[in-house]
């Protein structure tokens, strides 16, 4: 957690999570004036896109039929109960998203904003958003982070996936992706321009069928996941995510004592950070886990 929060909690003799919600949400400090410009550019091209259906409508409002599909009452035979949340008021189709400020907080806490050292310069980061909605987090990570060579999102809702695809295609056709990513490279002190603007991959479908073997960093917007979905996610990570370094989840992961078939080990001592979300400008607690290959 933020050092200020820890100090205040120690002085007042209260848990840090009591202090965290009353501390104003702030993005990590920009490293230079170019990064200030970069953030302004990203805010401009993504604001108003990947956000609301229309004035007064719920965020990314979808039809009741599509919500029913996403909640798996129909459309995915055999796994209906898996996708139902334990809380009937917070079904899988419920939508909220991390804000752009919150995304910068997340990137920082996942160590995606750290420049590669000479010792690990050969490694590229691959960021995966499981439940990517309108795609803003996926697109923002690729625009702002030269450390990320591929940003991947998967979304079950056809309408939300379509919004994400339209946004990406619009920015790509306008040349904004290449232009802003190269601005990010200059902000990070990289002189060589990146001529590739195809590092964003957006998929429509079931996250449990997505290949995550190349993922180095995963964000799971798991607030409305059922307990069974969380268990399935843990198993998928342990069996498939052989490149993973960090996973961030809105809910604590139900880790088992051991899994003899596991190829990676998820850390048993997650830490929490307060991240700004669309439904809470005071921040929401996010659990972060380190992951190591066995």
Protein backbone atom coordinates (compact mmCIF):
# COMPACT_ATOMS: atom_id res chain seq x y z
CA UNK A 1 0.00 0.00 0.00
CA UNK A 2 0.91 3.65 -0.30
CA UNK A 3 3.60 4.64 2.22
CA UNK A 4 1.48 7.57 3.43
CA UNK A 5 -1.37 5.17 4.22
CA UNK A 6 0.95 2.85 6.15
CA UNK A 7 2.41 5.71 8.18
CA UNK A 8 -1.02 7.18 8.97
CA UNK A 9 -2.33 3.76 9.97
CA UNK A 10 0.64 3.21 12.27
CA UNK A 11 0.18 6.61 13.94
CA UNK A 12 -3.55 6.05 14.47
CA UNK A 13 -3.10 2.37 15.38
CA UNK A 14 -5.67 1.20 12.85
CA UNK A 15 -5.46 -1.24 9.93
CA UNK A 16 -4.26 0.36 6.66
CA UNK A 17 -7.52 -0.55 4.90
CA UNK A 18 -9.35 1.78 7.29
CA UNK A 19 -7.24 4.74 6.14
CA UNK A 20 -7.01 3.85 2.44
CA UNK A 21 -10.59 4.81 1.41
CA UNK A 22 -10.22 8.37 2.75
CA UNK A 23 -6.91 9.10 1.03
CA UNK A 24 -7.43 10.90 -2.33
CA UNK A 25 -6.76 8.71 -5.35
CA UNK A 26 -3.59 9.80 -7.15
CA UNK A 27 -1.72 8.43 -10.13
CA UNK A 28 2.01 7.74 -9.78
CA UNK A 29 4.08 10.85 -10.51
CA UNK A 30 5.01 11.23 -14.20
CA UNK A 31 8.71 10.81 -14.82
CA UNK A 32 8.99 13.89 -17.06
CA UNK A 33 7.02 16.45 -19.08
CA UNK A 34 6.73 14.02 -21.99
CA UNK A 35 4.86 11.58 -19.76
CA UNK A 36 2.49 14.37 -18.74
CA UNK A 37 1.83 14.96 -22.43
CA UNK A 38 1.45 11.21 -22.95
CA UNK A 39 -1.22 10.90 -20.26
CA UNK A 40 -3.11 13.86 -21.69
CA UNK A 41 -3.04 12.29 -25.15
CA UNK A 42 -4.31 8.96 -23.83
CA UNK A 43 -7.04 10.68 -21.82
CA UNK A 44 -8.14 12.54 -24.93
CA UNK A 45 -8.36 9.56 -27.28
CA UNK A 46 -9.99 7.21 -24.75
CA UNK A 47 -12.33 9.58 -22.94
CA UNK A 48 -15.86 9.23 -24.22
CA UNK A 49 -14.98 5.90 -25.82
CA UNK A 50 -15.04 2.60 -23.93
CA UNK A 51 -17.26 4.20 -21.33
CA UNK A 52 -21.05 4.66 -21.29
CA UNK A 53 -23.80 3.55 -23.63
CA UNK A 54 -25.62 6.89 -23.45
CA UNK A 55 -26.52 9.55 -20.92
CA UNK A 56 -28.45 8.08 -18.04
CA UNK A 57 -27.86 4.49 -19.11
CA UNK A 58 -25.94 2.02 -16.94
CA UNK A 59 -22.30 1.68 -17.90
CA UNK A 60 -22.16 -0.47 -21.03
CA UNK A 61 -25.86 -1.22 -20.88
CA UNK A 62 -26.67 -4.43 -22.75
CA UNK A 63 -29.96 -6.11 -23.57
CA UNK A 64 -31.56 -8.47 -21.08
CA UNK A 65 -31.06 -11.27 -23.61
CA UNK A 66 -27.34 -10.60 -23.80
CA UNK A 67 -27.08 -10.25 -20.02
CA UNK A 68 -28.79 -13.62 -19.78
CA UNK A 69 -26.21 -15.07 -22.17
CA UNK A 70 -23.30 -13.60 -20.22
CA UNK A 71 -24.76 -14.95 -16.98
CA UNK A 72 -24.87 -18.32 -18.76
CA UNK A 73 -28.51 -19.08 -18.22
CA UNK A 74 -28.28 -19.83 -21.93
CA UNK A 75 -25.62 -19.98 -24.60
CA UNK A 76 -23.00 -22.03 -22.75
CA UNK A 77 -24.61 -25.40 -21.97
CA UNK A 78 -23.27 -27.32 -19.02
CA UNK A 79 -21.63 -24.43 -17.15
CA UNK A 80 -24.63 -22.29 -16.25
CA UNK A 81 -24.06 -22.46 -12.52
CA UNK A 82 -20.36 -21.68 -12.85
CA UNK A 83 -20.96 -18.20 -14.24
CA UNK A 84 -23.68 -17.27 -11.78
CA UNK A 85 -22.38 -15.06 -9.00
CA UNK A 86 -22.91 -16.10 -5.40
CA UNK A 87 -24.74 -12.78 -5.05
CA UNK A 88 -27.83 -12.61 -7.27
CA UNK A 89 -27.55 -8.82 -7.42
CA UNK A 90 -24.00 -9.01 -8.79
CA UNK A 91 -24.18 -11.36 -11.73
CA UNK A 92 -21.40 -11.91 -14.24
CA UNK A 93 -23.07 -9.45 -16.63
CA UNK A 94 -22.74 -6.60 -14.10
CA UNK A 95 -20.33 -4.02 -15.47
CA UNK A 96 -17.86 -1.58 -14.03
CA UNK A 97 -14.34 -0.73 -15.12
CA UNK A 98 -11.06 0.55 -13.86
CA UNK A 99 -10.60 4.28 -14.58
CA UNK A 100 -7.64 5.64 -16.52
CA UNK A 101 -6.16 6.98 -13.28
CA UNK A 102 -6.81 3.60 -11.68
CA UNK A 103 -5.09 1.88 -14.60
CA UNK A 104 -1.94 3.92 -13.94
CA UNK A 105 -2.07 2.91 -10.30
CA UNK A 106 -2.46 -0.73 -11.34
CA UNK A 107 0.41 -0.59 -13.83
CA UNK A 108 2.68 0.85 -11.13
CA UNK A 109 1.78 -1.74 -8.51
CA UNK A 110 2.22 -4.58 -11.02
CA UNK A 111 5.73 -3.23 -11.81
CA UNK A 112 4.84 -2.61 -15.44
CA UNK A 113 6.18 0.96 -15.26
CA UNK A 114 9.68 -0.15 -14.32
CA UNK A 115 12.15 0.09 -17.15
CA UNK A 116 13.88 -3.13 -18.04
CA UNK A 117 17.42 -3.47 -16.75
CA UNK A 118 20.24 -4.80 -18.88
CA UNK A 119 19.86 -8.16 -17.14
CA UNK A 120 16.26 -8.66 -18.30
CA UNK A 121 16.25 -6.51 -21.41
CA UNK A 122 15.45 -9.58 -23.50
CA UNK A 123 12.09 -10.03 -21.84
CA UNK A 124 8.89 -8.45 -23.09
CA UNK A 125 5.83 -8.12 -20.91
CA UNK A 126 2.49 -9.50 -22.06
CA UNK A 127 -0.51 -7.96 -20.28
CA UNK A 128 -3.81 -9.87 -20.19
CA UNK A 129 -7.18 -8.48 -19.08
CA UNK A 130 -9.66 -11.27 -18.29
CA UNK A 131 -13.08 -9.70 -18.70
CA UNK A 132 -11.95 -6.72 -20.76
CA UNK A 133 -15.33 -5.09 -21.38
CA UNK A 134 -14.97 -2.07 -23.66
CA UNK A 135 -11.22 -2.66 -23.97
CA UNK A 136 -9.96 0.58 -22.47
CA UNK A 137 -7.49 -1.04 -20.03
CA UNK A 138 -6.08 -3.23 -22.80
CA UNK A 139 -5.61 -0.29 -25.15
CA UNK A 140 -4.26 2.04 -22.45
CA UNK A 141 -1.64 -0.46 -21.33
CA UNK A 142 -0.29 -0.78 -24.87
CA UNK A 143 -0.32 2.97 -25.51
CA UNK A 144 1.38 4.01 -22.26
CA UNK A 145 3.79 1.16 -21.53
CA UNK A 146 6.73 0.49 -23.86
CA UNK A 147 7.51 -2.44 -21.52
CA UNK A 148 4.36 -4.17 -22.82
CA UNK A 149 4.83 -5.73 -26.25
CA UNK A 150 1.41 -7.40 -26.33
CA UNK A 151 -1.82 -6.46 -24.59
CA UNK A 152 -4.61 -9.03 -24.74
CA UNK A 153 -8.24 -8.79 -23.67
CA UNK A 154 -11.09 -11.27 -23.69
CA UNK A 155 -14.76 -10.42 -23.16
CA UNK A 156 -17.83 -12.66 -23.13
CA UNK A 157 -20.35 -9.92 -24.01
CA UNK A 158 -20.60 -9.49 -27.82
CA UNK A 159 -21.71 -5.84 -27.53
CA UNK A 160 -18.89 -4.84 -25.22
CA UNK A 161 -16.36 -6.71 -27.35
CA UNK A 162 -17.68 -4.87 -30.42
CA UNK A 163 -17.15 -1.50 -28.70
CA UNK A 164 -13.58 -2.53 -27.85
CA UNK A 165 -12.88 -3.61 -31.42
CA UNK A 166 -14.36 -0.45 -32.89
CA UNK A 167 -12.26 1.72 -30.58
CA UNK A 168 -9.06 -0.16 -31.42
CA UNK A 169 -9.74 -0.08 -35.17
CA UNK A 170 -10.54 3.65 -35.05
CA UNK A 171 -7.32 4.49 -33.22
CA UNK A 172 -5.28 2.24 -35.49
CA UNK A 173 -6.73 3.70 -38.69
CA UNK A 174 -6.15 7.26 -37.45
CA UNK A 175 -2.53 6.47 -36.65
CA UNK A 176 -3.11 7.29 -32.97
CA UNK A 177 -1.79 3.98 -31.68
CA UNK A 178 1.57 4.30 -33.41
CA UNK A 179 1.87 8.03 -32.62
CA UNK A 180 1.04 7.75 -28.92
CA UNK A 181 3.09 4.60 -28.36
CA UNK A 182 6.12 6.34 -29.83
CA UNK A 183 5.48 9.31 -27.54
CA UNK A 184 5.56 6.81 -24.66
CA UNK A 185 8.87 5.46 -25.91
CA UNK A 186 10.36 8.96 -25.94
CA UNK A 187 9.02 9.59 -22.43
CA UNK A 188 10.87 6.46 -21.34
CA UNK A 189 14.08 7.63 -23.02
CA UNK A 190 13.89 5.24 -25.96
CA UNK A 191 15.03 6.88 -29.20
CA UNK A 192 14.14 4.09 -31.60
CA UNK A 193 10.57 4.37 -32.88
CA UNK A 194 8.19 1.43 -32.85
CA UNK A 195 6.70 0.91 -36.31
CA UNK A 196 4.43 -1.93 -35.18
CA UNK A 197 0.92 -0.99 -34.02
CA UNK A 198 -0.49 -4.53 -33.92
CA UNK A 199 0.33 -5.40 -30.31
CA UNK A 200 -3.30 -5.32 -29.17
CA UNK A 201 -5.39 -8.51 -29.33
CA UNK A 202 -9.09 -8.47 -28.49
CA UNK A 203 -11.09 -11.67 -28.29
CA UNK A 204 -14.77 -12.42 -27.78
CA UNK A 205 -15.41 -15.56 -25.81
CA UNK A 206 -14.87 -17.61 -22.68
CA UNK A 207 -11.79 -16.60 -20.67
CA UNK A 208 -11.32 -20.23 -19.62
CA UNK A 209 -10.62 -21.14 -23.25
CA UNK A 210 -8.00 -18.42 -23.75
CA UNK A 211 -4.34 -19.42 -24.09
CA UNK A 212 -2.55 -17.62 -21.22
CA UNK A 213 0.82 -19.36 -21.54
CA UNK A 214 2.55 -16.14 -22.67
CA UNK A 215 0.92 -13.84 -20.09
CA UNK A 216 3.41 -12.19 -17.75
CA UNK A 217 0.83 -9.94 -16.03
CA UNK A 218 -2.88 -10.69 -15.60
CA UNK A 219 -5.70 -8.50 -14.35
CA UNK A 220 -8.94 -10.28 -13.46
CA UNK A 221 -11.98 -8.09 -12.91
CA UNK A 222 -13.35 -10.80 -10.66
CA UNK A 223 -15.71 -8.85 -8.40
CA UNK A 224 -18.77 -10.67 -9.74
CA UNK A 225 -17.11 -14.06 -10.26
CA UNK A 226 -18.69 -16.94 -8.38
CA UNK A 227 -16.53 -18.92 -5.97
CA UNK A 228 -16.41 -21.76 -8.49
CA UNK A 229 -15.20 -19.41 -11.22
CA UNK A 230 -12.41 -18.22 -8.92
CA UNK A 231 -11.40 -21.81 -8.23
CA UNK A 232 -11.36 -22.53 -11.97
CA UNK A 233 -9.27 -19.41 -12.57
CA UNK A 234 -6.70 -20.50 -9.98
CA UNK A 235 -6.48 -23.95 -11.55
CA UNK A 236 -6.12 -22.48 -15.05
CA UNK A 237 -3.28 -20.23 -13.90
CA UNK A 238 -1.48 -23.03 -12.07
CA UNK A 239 -1.67 -25.37 -15.08
CA UNK A 240 -1.18 -22.93 -17.98
CA UNK A 241 0.36 -19.57 -17.03
CA UNK A 242 3.99 -20.63 -17.22
CA UNK A 243 5.28 -17.10 -17.99
CA UNK A 244 3.22 -15.31 -15.33
CA UNK A 245 4.88 -12.96 -12.84
CA UNK A 246 1.97 -11.06 -11.26
CA UNK A 247 -1.81 -11.42 -11.12
CA UNK A 248 -4.17 -8.74 -9.81
CA UNK A 249 -7.70 -9.71 -8.79
CA UNK A 250 -10.63 -7.79 -7.35
CA UNK A 251 -11.41 -10.79 -5.14
CA UNK A 252 -9.07 -12.86 -3.05
CA UNK A 253 -8.12 -16.07 -4.83
CA UNK A 254 -9.13 -19.37 -3.18
CA UNK A 255 -5.70 -21.00 -3.10
CA UNK A 256 -5.29 -24.65 -2.16
CA UNK A 257 -2.48 -25.98 0.01
CA UNK A 258 -0.97 -27.82 -2.94
CA UNK A 259 -1.63 -28.92 -6.50
CA UNK A 260 0.62 -31.74 -7.67
CA UNK A 261 -0.10 -30.91 -11.31
CA UNK A 262 0.68 -27.19 -10.97
CA UNK A 263 3.38 -25.72 -13.22
CA UNK A 264 3.47 -22.40 -11.37
CA UNK A 265 2.96 -21.38 -7.74
CA UNK A 266 0.79 -18.40 -6.81
CA UNK A 267 2.16 -16.56 -3.79
CA UNK A 268 0.30 -17.26 -0.55
CA UNK A 269 0.77 -13.74 0.81
CA UNK A 270 -0.99 -11.26 -1.49
CA UNK A 271 -0.75 -7.55 -0.85
CA UNK A 272 -3.57 -5.06 -1.28
CA UNK A 273 -3.64 -1.74 -3.09
CA UNK A 274 -6.51 0.73 -3.41
CA UNK A 275 -7.30 1.40 -7.06
CA UNK A 276 -9.80 3.89 -8.50
CA UNK A 277 -12.77 2.27 -10.25
CA UNK A 278 -15.74 3.62 -12.18
CA UNK A 279 -18.06 2.74 -9.29
CA UNK A 280 -15.80 4.09 -6.53
CA UNK A 281 -13.62 7.19 -6.83
CA UNK A 282 -12.46 6.45 -3.26
CA UNK A 283 -10.81 3.30 -4.54
CA UNK A 284 -11.39 -0.44 -4.37
CA UNK A 285 -9.08 -2.97 -2.76
CA UNK A 286 -7.21 -5.08 -5.32
CA UNK A 287 -5.30 -8.23 -4.39
CA UNK A 288 -1.91 -8.69 -6.03
CA UNK A 289 -0.03 -12.00 -6.13
CA UNK A 290 3.44 -12.87 -7.29
CA UNK A 291 3.68 -16.04 -9.39
CA UNK A 292 6.71 -18.28 -9.79
CA UNK A 293 7.40 -21.17 -12.11
CA UNK A 294 7.88 -24.46 -10.31
